[in-house]
Amino acid sequence: MDIQTYLTKKVANSNKICTNCDKEIQTGEVFHLEKGANEHLHSLLARTFCSECYAKYGEKRLLKGNE
């Protein structure tokens, strides 16, 4: 089953880890969270990316990573 996803900009309410580079995202920092386009993507499946990876690689390349 292939779920269409996109990234949305969020502010961390707790520390998180970037799925791409393993950098710690501190509380209050902006990050990008994967969401399902047409259906819910469970938080345990959703990938989290730091702003640096988003700026360097862009949404399309980050989401393609695990395919």
C-alpha atoms as a PDB file:
ATOM      1  CA  MET A   1       0.000   0.000   0.000  1.00  0.00           C
ATOM      2  CA  ASP A   2       1.449   3.340  -1.060  1.00  0.00           C
ATOM      3  CA  ILE A   3       0.445   6.359   1.026  1.00  0.00           C
ATOM      4  CA  GLN A   4       0.977   9.800  -0.516  1.00  0.00           C
ATOM      5  CA  THR A   5       2.725  12.109   1.949  1.00  0.00           C
ATOM      6  CA  TYR A   6       3.975  15.673   2.249  1.00  0.00           C
ATOM      7  CA  LEU A   7       5.988  17.664   4.792  1.00  0.00           C
ATOM      8  CA  THR A   8       4.513  20.326   7.040  1.00  0.00           C
ATOM      9  CA  LYS A   9       6.433  22.910   9.063  1.00  0.00           C
ATOM     10  CA  LYS A  10       6.047  22.576  12.850  1.00  0.00           C
ATOM     11  CA  VAL A  11       7.625  23.878  16.057  1.00  0.00           C
ATOM     12  CA  ALA A  12       8.905  21.141  18.371  1.00  0.00           C
ATOM     13  CA  ASN A  13       7.073  20.897  21.702  1.00  0.00           C
ATOM     14  CA  SER A  14       9.617  18.296  22.834  1.00  0.00           C
ATOM     15  CA  ASN A  15      13.037  17.117  21.647  1.00  0.00           C
ATOM     16  CA  LYS A  16      12.999  15.049  18.462  1.00  0.00           C
ATOM     17  CA  ILE A  17      15.561  13.332  16.221  1.00  0.00           C
ATOM     18  CA  CYS A  18      15.936  14.011  12.484  1.00  0.00           C
ATOM     19  CA  THR A  19      15.195  10.858  10.485  1.00  0.00           C
ATOM     20  CA  ASN A  20      17.787  11.822   7.872  1.00  0.00           C
ATOM     21  CA  CYS A  21      20.869  12.972   9.831  1.00  0.00           C
ATOM     22  CA  ASP A  22      20.109  11.921  13.450  1.00  0.00           C
ATOM     23  CA  LYS A  23      20.577  15.526  14.668  1.00  0.00           C
ATOM     24  CA  GLU A  24      18.625  16.385  17.811  1.00  0.00           C
ATOM     25  CA  ILE A  25      15.837  18.911  17.210  1.00  0.00           C
ATOM     26  CA  GLN A  26      15.458  20.975  20.392  1.00  0.00           C
ATOM     27  CA  THR A  27      12.163  22.124  21.920  1.00  0.00           C
ATOM     28  CA  GLY A  28      11.105  25.369  20.192  1.00  0.00           C
ATOM     29  CA  GLU A  29      13.036  24.676  16.957  1.00  0.00           C
ATOM     30  CA  VAL A  30      11.295  24.501  13.591  1.00  0.00           C
ATOM     31  CA  PHE A  31      11.229  21.074  11.931  1.00  0.00           C
ATOM     32  CA  HIS A  32       9.300  19.334   9.136  1.00  0.00           C
ATOM     33  CA  LEU A  33       6.887  16.492   9.887  1.00  0.00           C
ATOM     34  CA  GLU A  34       5.616  13.951   7.360  1.00  0.00           C
ATOM     35  CA  LYS A  35       1.808  13.855   7.007  1.00  0.00           C
ATOM     36  CA  GLY A  36      -0.525  11.753   4.895  1.00  0.00           C
ATOM     37  CA  ALA A  37      -2.078  13.628   1.962  1.00  0.00           C
ATOM     38  CA  ASN A  38      -5.395  11.748   1.881  1.00  0.00           C
ATOM     39  CA  GLU A  39      -5.236   9.514   4.928  1.00  0.00           C
ATOM     40  CA  HIS A  40      -3.902   9.625   8.474  1.00  0.00           C
ATOM     41  CA  LEU A  41      -0.249   8.698   8.901  1.00  0.00           C
ATOM     42  CA  HIS A  42       0.311   7.329  12.425  1.00  0.00           C
ATOM     43  CA  SER A  43       2.843   9.297  14.456  1.00  0.00           C
ATOM     44  CA  LEU A  44       5.020   6.194  14.835  1.00  0.00           C
ATOM     45  CA  LEU A  45       5.364   5.979  11.048  1.00  0.00           C
ATOM     46  CA  ALA A  46       5.733   9.694  10.307  1.00  0.00           C
ATOM     47  CA  ARG A  47       9.281  10.838   9.634  1.00  0.00           C
ATOM     48  CA  THR A  48      10.734  14.014  11.170  1.00  0.00           C
ATOM     49  CA  PHE A  49      13.334  16.191   9.421  1.00  0.00           C
ATOM     50  CA  CYS A  50      15.400  19.104  10.756  1.00  0.00           C
ATOM     51  CA  SER A  51      15.338  22.447   8.951  1.00  0.00           C
ATOM     52  CA  GLU A  52      18.931  21.974   7.751  1.00  0.00           C
ATOM     53  CA  CYS A  53      18.098  18.727   5.922  1.00  0.00           C
ATOM     54  CA  TYR A  54      14.924  20.278   4.495  1.00  0.00           C
ATOM     55  CA  ALA A  55      16.907  23.278   3.179  1.00  0.00           C
ATOM     56  CA  LYS A  56      19.718  21.079   1.806  1.00  0.00           C
ATOM     57  CA  TYR A  57      17.672  18.290   0.173  1.00  0.00           C
ATOM     58  CA  GLY A  58      14.100  19.566  -0.207  1.00  0.00           C
ATOM     59  CA  GLU A  59      10.822  17.797   0.389  1.00  0.00           C
ATOM     60  CA  LYS A  60      10.823  15.559  -2.681  1.00  0.00           C
ATOM     61  CA  ARG A  61      14.267  14.067  -2.028  1.00  0.00           C
ATOM     62  CA  LEU A  62      13.680  13.539   1.711  1.00  0.00           C
ATOM     63  CA  LEU A  63      10.368  11.763   1.162  1.00  0.00           C
ATOM     64  CA  LYS A  64      11.852   9.597  -1.579  1.00  0.00           C
ATOM     65  CA  GLY A  65      14.616   8.398   0.784  1.00  0.00           C
ATOM     66  CA  ASN A  66      12.999   5.166   2.005  1.00  0.00           C
ATOM     67  CA  GLU A  67      11.261   4.151  -1.227  1.00  0.00           C
END
